[in-house]
Amino acid sequence: MIDNELLEIIRCPETKQKLTPAGDEQIAGLNALIEKGELKDRGGELVSDKIDGGLIREDGKFLYLVRNRVPILLVDEAVALD
């Protein structure tokens, strides 16, 4: 999915915490919510396009979406994992 060298460099834009890839099962669950129209991002917008992956913030509170192998590191587009 995302190159290991890139994972060593990129950080959460809000807290500067490390990011780790989400598992396939978690991505499948999020895609199911997207399909049902039930997943909103941190900014309150409905997530409408399926994702290829995700990067979880070190504290486990938020996931940054990955589309077409590109991480979307925008704070308002992160998804809460509570």
Protein backbone atom coordinates (compact mmCIF):
# COMPACT_ATOMS: atom_id res chain seq x y z
CA MET A 1 0.00 0.00 0.00
CA ILE A 2 2.23 2.84 1.22
CA ASP A 3 5.99 2.68 1.02
CA ASN A 4 7.69 2.06 4.39
CA GLU A 5 10.08 4.97 3.82
CA LEU A 6 7.12 7.30 3.39
CA LEU A 7 5.53 5.95 6.56
CA GLU A 8 8.68 6.87 8.47
CA ILE A 9 8.43 10.47 7.26
CA ILE A 10 4.74 11.41 7.28
CA ARG A 11 2.96 12.36 10.48
CA CYS A 12 -0.48 13.46 11.59
CA PRO A 13 -0.78 17.09 10.48
CA GLU A 14 -2.54 18.00 13.72
CA THR A 15 -0.51 16.26 16.45
CA LYS A 16 2.62 15.11 14.60
CA GLN A 17 2.04 11.55 15.85
CA LYS A 18 3.18 8.57 13.79
CA LEU A 19 0.71 6.96 11.41
CA THR A 20 0.32 3.23 10.85
CA PRO A 21 -1.64 1.40 8.13
CA ALA A 22 -5.13 0.15 8.99
CA GLY A 23 -5.86 -3.54 8.55
CA ASP A 24 -7.88 -4.97 5.68
CA GLU A 25 -10.76 -5.85 8.00
CA GLN A 26 -11.00 -2.29 9.30
CA ILE A 27 -10.95 -0.86 5.76
CA ALA A 28 -13.67 -3.29 4.71
CA GLY A 29 -15.79 -2.14 7.66
CA LEU A 30 -15.33 1.52 6.77
CA ASN A 31 -16.15 0.83 3.11
CA ALA A 32 -19.36 -0.91 4.24
CA LEU A 33 -20.32 2.22 6.19
CA ILE A 34 -19.49 4.38 3.15
CA GLU A 35 -21.69 2.17 0.99
CA LYS A 36 -24.58 2.61 3.44
CA GLY A 37 -24.05 6.38 3.55
CA GLU A 38 -23.23 6.29 7.26
CA LEU A 39 -19.62 7.47 7.46
CA LYS A 40 -18.85 11.12 8.10
CA ASP A 41 -15.46 12.76 8.34
CA ARG A 42 -14.30 15.02 11.13
CA GLY A 43 -15.64 18.07 9.30
CA GLY A 44 -19.14 16.55 9.28
CA GLU A 45 -19.14 15.72 5.57
CA LEU A 46 -20.44 12.39 4.32
CA VAL A 47 -17.66 10.21 2.90
CA SER A 48 -19.03 9.08 -0.47
CA ASP A 49 -16.10 7.37 -2.23
CA LYS A 50 -14.70 4.02 -1.12
CA ILE A 51 -11.16 3.99 0.21
CA ASP A 52 -8.14 1.86 -0.65
CA GLY A 53 -6.67 2.06 2.82
CA GLY A 54 -6.17 4.23 5.85
CA LEU A 55 -3.53 5.52 8.22
CA ILE A 56 -4.30 5.41 11.91
CA ARG A 57 -2.93 8.07 14.22
CA GLU A 58 -0.73 6.68 17.01
CA ASP A 59 -3.35 7.41 19.70
CA GLY A 60 -5.94 5.46 17.68
CA LYS A 61 -8.48 8.30 17.64
CA PHE A 62 -8.45 9.16 13.93
CA LEU A 63 -7.85 7.52 10.58
CA TYR A 64 -6.66 9.39 7.50
CA LEU A 65 -8.15 8.02 4.30
CA VAL A 66 -6.03 6.64 1.46
CA ARG A 67 -7.33 6.82 -2.09
CA ASN A 68 -5.41 5.62 -5.15
CA ARG A 69 -2.44 4.94 -2.84
CA VAL A 70 -2.36 8.63 -1.83
CA PRO A 71 -2.88 9.52 1.86
CA ILE A 72 -5.31 12.39 2.38
CA LEU A 73 -3.67 14.17 5.31
CA LEU A 74 -6.29 16.85 5.88
CA VAL A 75 -7.49 17.18 9.48
CA ASP A 76 -11.14 17.82 8.54
CA GLU A 77 -11.21 14.75 6.26
CA ALA A 78 -9.97 12.34 8.94
CA VAL A 79 -12.47 9.81 10.30
CA ALA A 80 -12.99 9.38 14.05
CA LEU A 81 -12.43 5.83 15.29
CA ASP A 82 -14.57 5.81 18.42
